[in-house]
C-alpha atoms as a PDB file:
ATOM      1  CA  MET A   1      -3.862  71.882  74.106  1.00  0.00           C
ATOM      2  CA  ASP A   2      -6.254  72.542  76.963  1.00  0.00           C
ATOM      3  CA  GLN A   3      -5.665  75.951  78.507  1.00  0.00           C
ATOM      4  CA  ASN A   4      -5.481  74.416  81.986  1.00  0.00           C
ATOM      5  CA  SER A   5      -2.972  71.740  80.967  1.00  0.00           C
ATOM      6  CA  THR A   6      -0.206  70.928  83.435  1.00  0.00           C
ATOM      7  CA  ASP A   7       2.334  71.183  80.613  1.00  0.00           C
ATOM      8  CA  GLU A   8       5.194  73.201  82.143  1.00  0.00           C
ATOM      9  CA  PHE A   9       5.694  75.101  78.901  1.00  0.00           C
ATOM     10  CA  SER A  10       2.275  76.715  79.197  1.00  0.00           C
ATOM     11  CA  LEU A  11       3.091  78.678  82.375  1.00  0.00           C
ATOM     12  CA  VAL A  12       3.288  82.440  81.867  1.00  0.00           C
ATOM     13  CA  SER A  13       5.058  84.843  84.223  1.00  0.00           C
ATOM     14  CA  VAL A  14       3.256  88.198  84.168  1.00  0.00           C
ATOM     15  CA  ILE A  15       5.657  90.907  85.333  1.00  0.00           C
ATOM     16  CA  ILE A  16       4.404  94.286  86.511  1.00  0.00           C
ATOM     17  CA  VAL A  17       6.905  97.016  87.336  1.00  0.00           C
ATOM     18  CA  ASN A  18       5.362  99.494  89.748  1.00  0.00           C
ATOM     19  CA  TRP A  19       6.513 102.952  90.756  1.00  0.00           C
ATOM     20  CA  ASN A  20       4.003 105.166  92.555  1.00  0.00           C
ATOM     21  CA  GLY A  21       1.115 103.528  90.722  1.00  0.00           C
ATOM     22  CA  ALA A  22      -1.494 103.704  93.485  1.00  0.00           C
ATOM     23  CA  GLN A  23      -4.218 104.905  91.123  1.00  0.00           C
ATOM     24  CA  PHE A  24      -3.617 102.082  88.625  1.00  0.00           C
ATOM     25  CA  LEU A  25      -2.197  98.951  90.244  1.00  0.00           C
ATOM     26  CA  ASN A  26      -5.365  97.425  91.708  1.00  0.00           C
ATOM     27  CA  ASN A  27      -7.206  97.889  88.420  1.00  0.00           C
ATOM     28  CA  CYS A  28      -4.330  96.184  86.595  1.00  0.00           C
ATOM     29  CA  LEU A  29      -4.352  93.247  89.018  1.00  0.00           C
ATOM     30  CA  SER A  30      -8.141  92.926  88.816  1.00  0.00           C
ATOM     31  CA  SER A  31      -7.875  92.687  85.032  1.00  0.00           C
ATOM     32  CA  LEU A  32      -5.363  89.877  85.371  1.00  0.00           C
ATOM     33  CA  LYS A  33      -7.529  87.971  87.823  1.00  0.00           C
ATOM     34  CA  ALA A  34     -10.296  87.985  85.179  1.00  0.00           C
ATOM     35  CA  GLN A  35      -8.135  86.224  82.571  1.00  0.00           C
ATOM     36  CA  THR A  36      -9.686  83.201  80.875  1.00  0.00           C
ATOM     37  CA  TYR A  37      -6.224  81.617  80.651  1.00  0.00           C
ATOM     38  CA  LYS A  38      -5.444  80.548  84.223  1.00  0.00           C
ATOM     39  CA  LYS A  39      -1.937  79.088  84.138  1.00  0.00           C
ATOM     40  CA  PHE A  40       0.092  82.168  85.039  1.00  0.00           C
ATOM     41  CA  GLU A  41       1.890  83.747  87.953  1.00  0.00           C
ATOM     42  CA  ILE A  42       1.964  87.447  88.813  1.00  0.00           C
ATOM     43  CA  ILE A  43       5.214  89.114  89.869  1.00  0.00           C
ATOM     44  CA  VAL A  44       5.144  92.734  91.014  1.00  0.00           C
ATOM     45  CA  ILE A  45       8.501  94.506  91.158  1.00  0.00           C
ATOM     46  CA  ASP A  46       8.124  97.716  93.134  1.00  0.00           C
ATOM     47  CA  ASN A  47      10.743 100.355  92.317  1.00  0.00           C
ATOM     48  CA  GLY A  48      10.907 102.107  95.677  1.00  0.00           C
ATOM     49  CA  SER A  49       7.397 103.586  95.628  1.00  0.00           C
ATOM     50  CA  ASN A  50       6.505 106.149  98.280  1.00  0.00           C
ATOM     51  CA  ASP A  51       2.783 106.512  97.556  1.00  0.00           C
ATOM     52  CA  GLY A  52       1.588 103.453  99.451  1.00  0.00           C
ATOM     53  CA  SER A  53       0.731 101.577  96.260  1.00  0.00           C
ATOM     54  CA  VAL A  54       2.166  98.280  97.551  1.00  0.00           C
ATOM     55  CA  ASP A  55       1.310  98.677 101.229  1.00  0.00           C
ATOM     56  CA  ASN A  56      -0.562  95.556 102.418  1.00  0.00           C
ATOM     57  CA  LEU A  57      -0.649  94.280  98.832  1.00  0.00           C
ATOM     58  CA  GLU A  58      -0.153  90.699 100.041  1.00  0.00           C
ATOM     59  CA  ILE A  59      -3.327  90.927 102.105  1.00  0.00           C
ATOM     60  CA  ASN A  60      -5.506  91.972  99.188  1.00  0.00           C
ATOM     61  CA  TRP A  61      -3.674  89.808  96.609  1.00  0.00           C
ATOM     62  CA  PRO A  62      -2.263  86.776  98.469  1.00  0.00           C
ATOM     63  CA  ASP A  63      -1.422  84.826  95.303  1.00  0.00           C
ATOM     64  CA  ILE A  64       1.062  87.283  93.823  1.00  0.00           C
ATOM     65  CA  ARG A  65       4.779  87.610  94.426  1.00  0.00           C
ATOM     66  CA  ILE A  66       6.063  91.038  95.413  1.00  0.00           C
ATOM     67  CA  GLU A  67       9.674  92.194  95.295  1.00  0.00           C
ATOM     68  CA  ARG A  68      10.214  95.542  97.000  1.00  0.00           C
ATOM     69  CA  LEU A  69      13.328  97.424  95.887  1.00  0.00           C
ATOM     70  CA  LYS A  70      14.702 100.086  98.198  1.00  0.00           C
ATOM     71  CA  LYS A  71      15.148 102.571  95.381  1.00  0.00           C
ATOM     72  CA  ASN A  72      14.010 103.073  91.793  1.00  0.00           C
ATOM     73  CA  ARG A  73      16.381 100.940  89.740  1.00  0.00           C
ATOM     74  CA  GLY A  74      14.571 101.725  86.502  1.00  0.00           C
ATOM     75  CA  PHE A  75      12.074  99.936  84.290  1.00  0.00           C
ATOM     76  CA  ALA A  76      14.754  97.894  82.516  1.00  0.00           C
ATOM     77  CA  ALA A  77      16.447  96.485  85.632  1.00  0.00           C
ATOM     78  CA  ALA A  78      13.129  95.750  87.360  1.00  0.00           C
ATOM     79  CA  ASN A  79      11.806  93.749  84.396  1.00  0.00           C
ATOM     80  CA  ASN A  80      15.084  91.860  84.162  1.00  0.00           C
ATOM     81  CA  LEU A  81      14.779  90.944  87.845  1.00  0.00           C
ATOM     82  CA  GLY A  82      11.195  89.793  87.367  1.00  0.00           C
ATOM     83  CA  THR A  83      12.235  87.645  84.417  1.00  0.00           C
ATOM     84  CA  ARG A  84      15.058  86.005  86.360  1.00  0.00           C
ATOM     85  CA  ILE A  85      12.840  85.033  89.284  1.00  0.00           C
ATOM     86  CA  GLY A  86       9.879  84.000  87.118  1.00  0.00           C
ATOM     87  CA  LYS A  87       9.118  80.330  86.550  1.00  0.00           C
ATOM     88  CA  GLY A  88       7.180  80.554  83.290  1.00  0.00           C
ATOM     89  CA  SER A  89       8.362  79.540  79.858  1.00  0.00           C
ATOM     90  CA  TRP A  90       6.805  82.801  78.617  1.00  0.00           C
ATOM     91  CA  ILE A  91       6.965  86.266  80.147  1.00  0.00           C
ATOM     92  CA  ALA A  92       4.203  88.812  79.676  1.00  0.00           C
ATOM     93  CA  LEU A  93       5.320  92.331  80.542  1.00  0.00           C
ATOM     94  CA  LEU A  94       2.511  94.599  81.665  1.00  0.00           C
ATOM     95  CA  ASN A  95       2.621  98.219  82.793  1.00  0.00           C
ATOM     96  CA  ASN A  96       0.771  99.096  85.985  1.00  0.00           C
ATOM     97  CA  ASP A  97      -1.410 101.489  83.949  1.00  0.00           C
ATOM     98  CA  ALA A  98      -2.355  98.781  81.421  1.00  0.00           C
ATOM     99  CA  PHE A  99      -5.587  96.817  81.825  1.00  0.00           C
ATOM    100  CA  PRO A 100      -5.862  93.660  79.670  1.00  0.00           C
ATOM    101  CA  SER A 101      -9.102  92.211  78.354  1.00  0.00           C
ATOM    102  CA  PRO A 102     -10.067  88.783  79.782  1.00  0.00           C
ATOM    103  CA  GLU A 103      -8.822  86.940  76.674  1.00  0.00           C
ATOM    104  CA  TRP A 104      -5.451  88.760  76.493  1.00  0.00           C
ATOM    105  CA  LEU A 105      -3.183  85.933  77.637  1.00  0.00           C
ATOM    106  CA  GLN A 106      -5.172  83.228  75.871  1.00  0.00           C
ATOM    107  CA  ASN A 107      -4.929  85.067  72.557  1.00  0.00           C
ATOM    108  CA  LEU A 108      -1.180  85.574  72.940  1.00  0.00           C
ATOM    109  CA  ILE A 109      -0.737  81.873  73.685  1.00  0.00           C
ATOM    110  CA  ASN A 110      -2.891  81.013  70.661  1.00  0.00           C
ATOM    111  CA  ALA A 111      -0.806  83.276  68.400  1.00  0.00           C
ATOM    112  CA  SER A 112       2.462  81.707  69.588  1.00  0.00           C
ATOM    113  CA  LYS A 113       1.129  78.296  68.515  1.00  0.00           C
ATOM    114  CA  LYS A 114      -0.491  79.417  65.271  1.00  0.00           C
ATOM    115  CA  TYR A 115       2.524  81.410  64.060  1.00  0.00           C
ATOM    116  CA  PRO A 116       5.666  79.515  65.129  1.00  0.00           C
ATOM    117  CA  GLU A 117       7.767  81.535  62.673  1.00  0.00           C
ATOM    118  CA  PHE A 118       7.414  84.492  65.056  1.00  0.00           C
ATOM    119  CA  SER A 119       9.356  84.591  68.316  1.00  0.00           C
ATOM    120  CA  PHE A 120       7.788  87.497  70.214  1.00  0.00           C
ATOM    121  CA  PHE A 121       4.440  89.258  70.163  1.00  0.00           C
ATOM    122  CA  ALA A 122       2.826  92.695  70.454  1.00  0.00           C
ATOM    123  CA  SER A 123      -0.561  93.501  71.945  1.00  0.00           C
ATOM    124  CA  ARG A 124      -3.265  95.788  70.639  1.00  0.00           C
ATOM    125  CA  LEU A 125      -3.169  98.814  72.916  1.00  0.00           C
ATOM    126  CA  VAL A 126      -6.206 101.073  72.985  1.00  0.00           C
ATOM    127  CA  MET A 127      -6.472 104.364  74.845  1.00  0.00           C
ATOM    128  CA  ALA A 128      -7.909 103.772  78.293  1.00  0.00           C
ATOM    129  CA  ASN A 129     -10.119 106.864  78.222  1.00  0.00           C
ATOM    130  CA  LYS A 130     -10.979 106.709  74.496  1.00  0.00           C
ATOM    131  CA  THR A 131     -11.170 103.021  73.680  1.00  0.00           C
ATOM    132  CA  ASN A 132     -12.201 103.646  70.059  1.00  0.00           C
ATOM    133  CA  TYR A 133      -8.703 105.061  69.471  1.00  0.00           C
ATOM    134  CA  ILE A 134      -5.500 103.092  69.102  1.00  0.00           C
ATOM    135  CA  ASP A 135      -2.667 103.657  71.560  1.00  0.00           C
ATOM    136  CA  GLY A 136      -0.331 101.290  69.756  1.00  0.00           C
ATOM    137  CA  MET A 137      -0.094  98.213  67.523  1.00  0.00           C
ATOM    138  CA  GLY A 138       3.523  97.325  68.152  1.00  0.00           C
ATOM    139  CA  ASP A 139       6.506  99.591  67.510  1.00  0.00           C
ATOM    140  CA  ILE A 140       7.805 101.201  64.326  1.00  0.00           C
ATOM    141  CA  TYR A 141      11.519 101.965  64.053  1.00  0.00           C
ATOM    142  CA  HIS A 142      12.505 104.789  61.715  1.00  0.00           C
ATOM    143  CA  VAL A 143      15.886 104.895  59.984  1.00  0.00           C
ATOM    144  CA  SER A 144      16.623 108.229  61.700  1.00  0.00           C
ATOM    145  CA  GLY A 145      16.587 106.516  65.102  1.00  0.00           C
ATOM    146  CA  ILE A 146      13.181 107.551  66.419  1.00  0.00           C
ATOM    147  CA  ALA A 147      10.569 104.920  67.256  1.00  0.00           C
ATOM    148  CA  TRP A 148       6.844 105.226  67.879  1.00  0.00           C
ATOM    149  CA  ARG A 149       3.790 103.090  68.552  1.00  0.00           C
ATOM    150  CA  ARG A 150       2.107 102.112  65.302  1.00  0.00           C
ATOM    151  CA  GLY A 151      -1.320 103.654  64.837  1.00  0.00           C
ATOM    152  CA  HIS A 152      -1.107 105.876  67.915  1.00  0.00           C
ATOM    153  CA  GLY A 153      -3.977 108.354  67.946  1.00  0.00           C
ATOM    154  CA  LYS A 154      -5.806 106.780  65.013  1.00  0.00           C
ATOM    155  CA  LEU A 155      -9.340 105.378  65.078  1.00  0.00           C
ATOM    156  CA  ASP A 156      -9.545 101.698  65.962  1.00  0.00           C
ATOM    157  CA  GLU A 157     -10.740 100.500  62.567  1.00  0.00           C
ATOM    158  CA  SER A 158     -10.399  97.405  60.416  1.00  0.00           C
ATOM    159  CA  HIS A 159      -6.653  97.886  59.786  1.00  0.00           C
ATOM    160  CA  SER A 160      -6.018  97.307  63.502  1.00  0.00           C
ATOM    161  CA  GLN A 161      -7.839  93.971  63.525  1.00  0.00           C
ATOM    162  CA  THR A 162      -5.530  91.950  61.267  1.00  0.00           C
ATOM    163  CA  ALA A 163      -2.318  90.271  62.387  1.00  0.00           C
ATOM    164  CA  PHE A 164       0.840  91.579  60.729  1.00  0.00           C
ATOM    165  CA  GLU A 165       4.552  91.797  61.355  1.00  0.00           C
ATOM    166  CA  VAL A 166       5.900  94.705  63.413  1.00  0.00           C
ATOM    167  CA  PHE A 167       9.397  95.781  64.364  1.00  0.00           C
ATOM    168  CA  GLY A 168       8.736  94.925  67.997  1.00  0.00           C
ATOM    169  CA  PRO A 169       6.246  95.192  70.848  1.00  0.00           C
ATOM    170  CA  CYS A 170       5.675  98.097  73.188  1.00  0.00           C
ATOM    171  CA  ALA A 171       6.755  96.794  76.604  1.00  0.00           C
ATOM    172  CA  ALA A 172       3.531  98.117  78.144  1.00  0.00           C
ATOM    173  CA  ALA A 173       2.064  94.750  77.076  1.00  0.00           C
ATOM    174  CA  ALA A 174       4.628  92.469  75.439  1.00  0.00           C
ATOM    175  CA  PHE A 175       5.050  88.695  75.180  1.00  0.00           C
ATOM    176  CA  TYR A 176       8.460  86.979  74.987  1.00  0.00           C
ATOM    177  CA  PRO A 177       9.828  83.465  75.478  1.00  0.00           C
ATOM    178  CA  ARG A 178      11.592  83.706  78.816  1.00  0.00           C
ATOM    179  CA  ALA A 179      14.636  81.722  77.677  1.00  0.00           C
ATOM    180  CA  LEU A 180      15.084  83.975  74.630  1.00  0.00           C
ATOM    181  CA  PHE A 181      14.739  87.140  76.714  1.00  0.00           C
ATOM    182  CA  LEU A 182      17.464  85.921  79.071  1.00  0.00           C
ATOM    183  CA  GLN A 183      19.670  84.604  76.268  1.00  0.00           C
ATOM    184  CA  ILE A 184      19.726  87.971  74.483  1.00  0.00           C
ATOM    185  CA  GLY A 185      20.631  89.702  77.751  1.00  0.00           C
ATOM    186  CA  GLY A 186      17.245  91.207  78.602  1.00  0.00           C
ATOM    187  CA  PHE A 187      16.796  94.948  78.646  1.00  0.00           C
ATOM    188  CA  ASP A 188      19.911  97.118  78.692  1.00  0.00           C
ATOM    189  CA  GLU A 189      19.931  98.390  82.264  1.00  0.00           C
ATOM    190  CA  ASP A 190      22.052 101.418  81.314  1.00  0.00           C
ATOM    191  CA  PHE A 191      18.938 102.708  79.534  1.00  0.00           C
ATOM    192  CA  TYR A 192      17.062 102.869  82.873  1.00  0.00           C
ATOM    193  CA  CYS A 193      13.758 103.346  81.055  1.00  0.00           C
ATOM    194  CA  TYR A 194      12.369 104.296  77.617  1.00  0.00           C
ATOM    195  CA  HIS A 195      13.573 102.802  74.334  1.00  0.00           C
ATOM    196  CA  GLU A 196      14.748  99.707  76.221  1.00  0.00           C
ATOM    197  CA  ASP A 197      12.035  97.710  74.453  1.00  0.00           C
ATOM    198  CA  VAL A 198      13.045  99.092  71.036  1.00  0.00           C
ATOM    199  CA  ASP A 199      16.683  98.261  71.745  1.00  0.00           C
ATOM    200  CA  LEU A 200      15.732  94.712  72.734  1.00  0.00           C
ATOM    201  CA  SER A 201      13.607  94.275  69.598  1.00  0.00           C
ATOM    202  CA  PHE A 202      16.509  95.483  67.457  1.00  0.00           C
ATOM    203  CA  ARG A 203      18.882  92.982  69.044  1.00  0.00           C
ATOM    204  CA  LEU A 204      16.374  90.168  68.592  1.00  0.00           C
ATOM    205  CA  ARG A 205      15.888  91.110  64.933  1.00  0.00           C
ATOM    206  CA  LEU A 206      19.627  91.118  64.363  1.00  0.00           C
ATOM    207  CA  GLN A 207      19.520  87.494  65.544  1.00  0.00           C
ATOM    208  CA  GLY A 208      16.787  86.667  63.026  1.00  0.00           C
ATOM    209  CA  HIS A 209      13.767  86.746  65.344  1.00  0.00           C
ATOM    210  CA  ARG A 210      10.481  88.311  64.235  1.00  0.00           C
ATOM    211  CA  CYS A 211       7.572  89.968  66.029  1.00  0.00           C
ATOM    212  CA  LEU A 212       3.844  89.608  65.323  1.00  0.00           C
ATOM    213  CA  TYR A 213       1.106  92.070  66.223  1.00  0.00           C
ATOM    214  CA  VAL A 214      -1.829  90.141  67.756  1.00  0.00           C
ATOM    215  CA  PRO A 215      -5.018  92.203  67.312  1.00  0.00           C
ATOM    216  CA  GLU A 216      -7.091  89.976  69.612  1.00  0.00           C
ATOM    217  CA  ALA A 217      -4.722  90.650  72.552  1.00  0.00           C
ATOM    218  CA  ILE A 218      -6.446  93.869  73.640  1.00  0.00           C
ATOM    219  CA  VAL A 219      -5.154  96.065  76.476  1.00  0.00           C
ATOM    220  CA  LYS A 220      -6.432  99.443  77.674  1.00  0.00           C
ATOM    221  CA  HIS A 221      -3.436 101.688  78.291  1.00  0.00           C
ATOM    222  CA  VAL A 222      -3.214 105.025  80.087  1.00  0.00           C
ATOM    223  CA  GLY A 223       0.386 105.734  79.007  1.00  0.00           C
ATOM    224  CA  SER A 224       3.113 107.376  81.148  1.00  0.00           C
ATOM    225  CA  GLY A 225       0.714 107.109  84.053  1.00  0.00           C
ATOM    226  CA  SER A 226       3.393 107.475  86.710  1.00  0.00           C
ATOM    227  CA  SER A 227       5.941 109.733  85.015  1.00  0.00           C
ATOM    228  CA  GLY A 228       3.819 112.050  82.838  1.00  0.00           C
ATOM    229  CA  ALA A 229       3.978 111.991  79.029  1.00  0.00           C
ATOM    230  CA  ASP A 230       5.511 115.472  78.636  1.00  0.00           C
ATOM    231  CA  SER A 231       7.745 115.468  81.710  1.00  0.00           C
ATOM    232  CA  ASP A 232      11.456 116.238  81.663  1.00  0.00           C
ATOM    233  CA  PHE A 233      11.974 112.688  82.930  1.00  0.00           C
ATOM    234  CA  VAL A 234      10.419 111.199  79.788  1.00  0.00           C
ATOM    235  CA  ARG A 235      12.151 113.649  77.454  1.00  0.00           C
ATOM    236  CA  TYR A 236      15.581 113.001  78.944  1.00  0.00           C
ATOM    237  CA  TYR A 237      15.586 109.212  78.857  1.00  0.00           C
ATOM    238  CA  SER A 238      13.764 108.797  75.548  1.00  0.00           C
ATOM    239  CA  HIS A 239      16.070 111.218  73.699  1.00  0.00           C
ATOM    240  CA  ARG A 240      19.276 109.975  75.280  1.00  0.00           C
ATOM    241  CA  ASN A 241      18.384 106.348  74.672  1.00  0.00           C
ATOM    242  CA  LEU A 242      17.292 106.723  71.052  1.00  0.00           C
ATOM    243  CA  VAL A 243      20.871 107.763  70.255  1.00  0.00           C
ATOM    244  CA  TRP A 244      22.260 104.731  72.054  1.00  0.00           C
ATOM    245  CA  THR A 245      19.789 102.398  70.327  1.00  0.00           C
ATOM    246  CA  TYR A 246      20.851 103.674  66.901  1.00  0.00           C
ATOM    247  CA  ILE A 247      24.592 103.466  67.588  1.00  0.00           C
ATOM    248  CA  LYS A 248      24.400 100.021  69.215  1.00  0.00           C
ATOM    249  CA  ASN A 249      22.246  98.259  66.688  1.00  0.00           C
ATOM    250  CA  MET A 250      22.141  99.851  63.237  1.00  0.00           C
ATOM    251  CA  PRO A 251      24.262  97.511  61.100  1.00  0.00           C
ATOM    252  CA  SER A 252      26.884  98.634  58.639  1.00  0.00           C
ATOM    253  CA  PRO A 253      26.536 100.010  56.020  1.00  0.00           C
ATOM    254  CA  LEU A 254      23.132 101.342  57.158  1.00  0.00           C
ATOM    255  CA  ILE A 255      24.599 103.227  60.105  1.00  0.00           C
ATOM    256  CA  TRP A 256      26.585 105.385  57.685  1.00  0.00           C
ATOM    257  CA  TRP A 257      23.874 105.610  55.044  1.00  0.00           C
ATOM    258  CA  TYR A 258      21.298 106.892  57.533  1.00  0.00           C
ATOM    259  CA  LEU A 259      23.656 108.893  59.758  1.00  0.00           C
ATOM    260  CA  PRO A 260      22.638 112.224  58.124  1.00  0.00           C
ATOM    261  CA  ALA A 261      18.976 111.460  58.894  1.00  0.00           C
ATOM    262  CA  HIS A 262      19.922 110.606  62.496  1.00  0.00           C
ATOM    263  CA  LEU A 263      21.930 113.804  62.954  1.00  0.00           C
ATOM    264  CA  ILE A 264      19.228 115.972  61.358  1.00  0.00           C
ATOM    265  CA  PHE A 265      16.548 114.476  63.601  1.00  0.00           C
ATOM    266  CA  ASN A 266      18.636 115.116  66.714  1.00  0.00           C
ATOM    267  CA  LEU A 267      19.374 118.698  65.652  1.00  0.00           C
ATOM    268  CA  ILE A 268      15.719 119.430  64.925  1.00  0.00           C
ATOM    269  CA  SER A 269      14.764 117.886  68.285  1.00  0.00           C
ATOM    270  CA  ILE A 270      17.151 120.187  70.124  1.00  0.00           C
ATOM    271  CA  ILE A 271      15.820 123.265  68.347  1.00  0.00           C
ATOM    272  CA  TRP A 272      12.182 122.175  68.853  1.00  0.00           C
ATOM    273  CA  PHE A 273      12.501 121.599  72.590  1.00  0.00           C
ATOM    274  CA  PHE A 274      14.485 124.784  73.126  1.00  0.00           C
ATOM    275  CA  CYS A 275      11.572 126.645  71.533  1.00  0.00           C
ATOM    276  CA  ARG A 276       9.170 124.823  73.889  1.00  0.00           C
ATOM    277  CA  GLY A 277      11.133 125.770  76.991  1.00  0.00           C
ATOM    278  CA  GLN A 278      12.662 122.323  77.479  1.00  0.00           C
ATOM    279  CA  GLY A 279      16.057 123.190  76.087  1.00  0.00           C
ATOM    280  CA  GLY A 280      17.914 122.277  79.258  1.00  0.00           C
ATOM    281  CA  VAL A 281      16.653 118.724  79.450  1.00  0.00           C
ATOM    282  CA  ILE A 282      17.137 117.968  75.739  1.00  0.00           C
ATOM    283  CA  TRP A 283      20.668 119.364  75.890  1.00  0.00           C
ATOM    284  CA  ARG A 284      21.495 117.132  78.893  1.00  0.00           C
ATOM    285  CA  ALA A 285      20.032 114.127  77.080  1.00  0.00           C
ATOM    286  CA  LYS A 286      22.228 114.587  74.003  1.00  0.00           C
ATOM    287  CA  ARG A 287      25.284 115.522  76.072  1.00  0.00           C
ATOM    288  CA  ASP A 288      24.964 112.384  78.191  1.00  0.00           C
ATOM    289  CA  ALA A 289      24.323 110.276  75.091  1.00  0.00           C
ATOM    290  CA  LEU A 290      27.687 111.416  73.740  1.00  0.00           C
ATOM    291  CA  ARG A 291      29.394 110.871  77.097  1.00  0.00           C
ATOM    292  CA  GLY A 292      28.221 107.276  77.090  1.00  0.00           C
ATOM    293  CA  LEU A 293      29.340 106.501  73.540  1.00  0.00           C
ATOM    294  CA  SER A 294      32.484 104.618  74.595  1.00  0.00           C
ATOM    295  CA  THR A 295      30.424 102.033  76.476  1.00  0.00           C
ATOM    296  CA  VAL A 296      27.815 101.918  73.708  1.00  0.00           C
ATOM    297  CA  LEU A 297      30.451 101.309  71.041  1.00  0.00           C
ATOM    298  CA  ASN A 298      31.852  98.401  73.035  1.00  0.00           C
ATOM    299  CA  LYS A 299      28.376  96.885  73.134  1.00  0.00           C
ATOM    300  CA  ARG A 300      27.971  97.535  69.417  1.00  0.00           C
ATOM    301  CA  ARG A 301      31.077  95.537  68.549  1.00  0.00           C
ATOM    302  CA  GLU A 302      29.698  92.445  70.267  1.00  0.00           C
ATOM    303  CA  ILE A 303      26.142  92.883  68.911  1.00  0.00           C
ATOM    304  CA  GLN A 304      27.353  93.239  65.339  1.00  0.00           C
ATOM    305  CA  ARG A 305      29.862  90.398  65.721  1.00  0.00           C
ATOM    306  CA  ILE A 306      27.107  87.889  66.460  1.00  0.00           C
ATOM    307  CA  ARG A 307      24.553  89.321  64.003  1.00  0.00           C
ATOM    308  CA  ARG A 308      22.894  86.561  61.989  1.00  0.00           C
ATOM    309  CA  VAL A 309      20.901  88.415  59.326  1.00  0.00           C
ATOM    310  CA  LYS A 310      21.931  90.609  56.427  1.00  0.00           C
ATOM    311  CA  TYR A 311      21.529  94.348  56.724  1.00  0.00           C
ATOM    312  CA  THR A 312      19.050  94.230  53.848  1.00  0.00           C
ATOM    313  CA  GLU A 313      16.713  92.121  56.003  1.00  0.00           C
ATOM    314  CA  ILE A 314      16.857  94.738  58.769  1.00  0.00           C
ATOM    315  CA  LYS A 315      16.316  97.565  56.307  1.00  0.00           C
ATOM    316  CA  LYS A 316      13.004  96.244  55.004  1.00  0.00           C
ATOM    317  CA  ASN A 317      11.611  96.123  58.536  1.00  0.00           C
ATOM    318  CA  MET A 318      12.279  99.796  59.242  1.00  0.00           C
ATOM    319  CA  ASP A 319      10.311 102.881  58.240  1.00  0.00           C
ATOM    320  CA  SER A 320      12.106 105.230  55.838  1.00  0.00           C
ATOM    321  CA  HIS A 321       9.447 107.833  54.979  1.00  0.00           C
ATOM    322  CA  TRP A 322      11.477 111.007  55.409  1.00  0.00           C
ATOM    323  CA  LEU A 323       8.607 113.102  56.779  1.00  0.00           C
ATOM    324  CA  ASN A 324       7.208 110.629  59.310  1.00  0.00           C
ATOM    325  CA  PRO A 325       9.397 111.642  62.281  1.00  0.00           C
ATOM    326  CA  TYR A 326       8.120 115.210  62.032  1.00  0.00           C
ATOM    327  CA  LEU A 327       4.400 114.548  61.592  1.00  0.00           C
ATOM    328  CA  LYS A 328       1.722 114.213  64.233  1.00  0.00           C
ATOM    329  CA  PRO A 329       1.365 110.495  65.091  1.00  0.00           C
ATOM    330  CA  TYR A 330      -2.086 110.162  63.537  1.00  0.00           C
ATOM    331  CA  LYS A 331      -0.828 111.680  60.249  1.00  0.00           C
ATOM    332  CA  ARG A 332       2.101 109.344  59.724  1.00  0.00           C
ATOM    333  CA  LYS A 333       2.068 107.045  56.695  1.00  0.00           C
ATOM    334  CA  GLU A 334       2.813 103.649  58.193  1.00  0.00           C
ATOM    335  CA  LYS A 335       3.553 100.734  55.915  1.00  0.00           C
ATOM    336  CA  ILE A 336       2.464  97.201  56.803  1.00  0.00           C
ATOM    337  CA  ILE A 337       5.095  94.453  56.818  1.00  0.00           C
ATOM    338  CA  GLN A 338       3.360  91.628  54.969  1.00  0.00           C
ATOM    339  CA  PHE A 339       4.076  88.004  55.739  1.00  0.00           C
ATOM    340  CA  LYS A 340       2.902  84.639  54.469  1.00  0.00           C
ATOM    341  CA  LYS A 341       1.693  82.024  56.909  1.00  0.00           C
ATOM    342  CA  GLU A 342       4.153  79.135  57.012  1.00  0.00           C
ATOM    343  CA  SER A 343       2.867  75.609  57.209  1.00  0.00           C
ATOM    344  CA  ILE A 344       3.236  73.906  60.570  1.00  0.00           C
END
């Protein structure tokens, strides 16, 4: 199919959630304007920024749609809003501190056609300031409940240049069918931000959908550009939400089998961050995770009721190396989920 075809199914809605991203947003938009694939719309959802990052944005970028929210409603809610108002058959989520290569969208479209057995797709994230290092090749989900970006901190070598199955995409640069995203309920807005993409991937996998890492879909990524990678903000939401993701989605009997690993990881996390002077924020994260368990359990009952795959299928797509959660990212032993190309 010609990339400029008028086929309605080829339209992509690129959704950028912005919060105080003045130093990144124009670079992100410039990267999108350079795309070789031209049939896309750009939707910017601004989460109540106060740094002037969206002031006069329509003047400089007249072709984009901007939704200005009065307050920060969170990454999850903003992306859900962008998806609802988008017109594309595909949605491409892109962080404001992520700068795609010119062939990014075209290569994602190509992968969706070449590998129809996969429903959603992960980009190849490289570090913006050290582009010979990987920032992420999709997400890995560990049986203890922690998730991380595959290959983070490792040299960008041959292993990063082959397509393979991953648990899910990092939402900094992810590609989903819009109808599927809406059907599954989008991101859980109670999460606010962090782990919402892992939670969504888990729910999609429980429905039998699979994710492919697309090495040609290259994006330079700063990472936590607005919030700060080591901030209390990041620590709170990531550690609260990893508990909710585990409780909501881990199917029986795996939830009981791996519960000791989950509890040990949470205990070690509390001790670790207390020793680093962040004891208050990690304690609040775990306390609030427990306070929200009633709502999470209600969601779990519905998620597990409509699950379509056996727990054994979920198990083989998770990492179970007992040391991995406690190693530096570049030292983790990350298995590759092999797949065979199905005939079209």
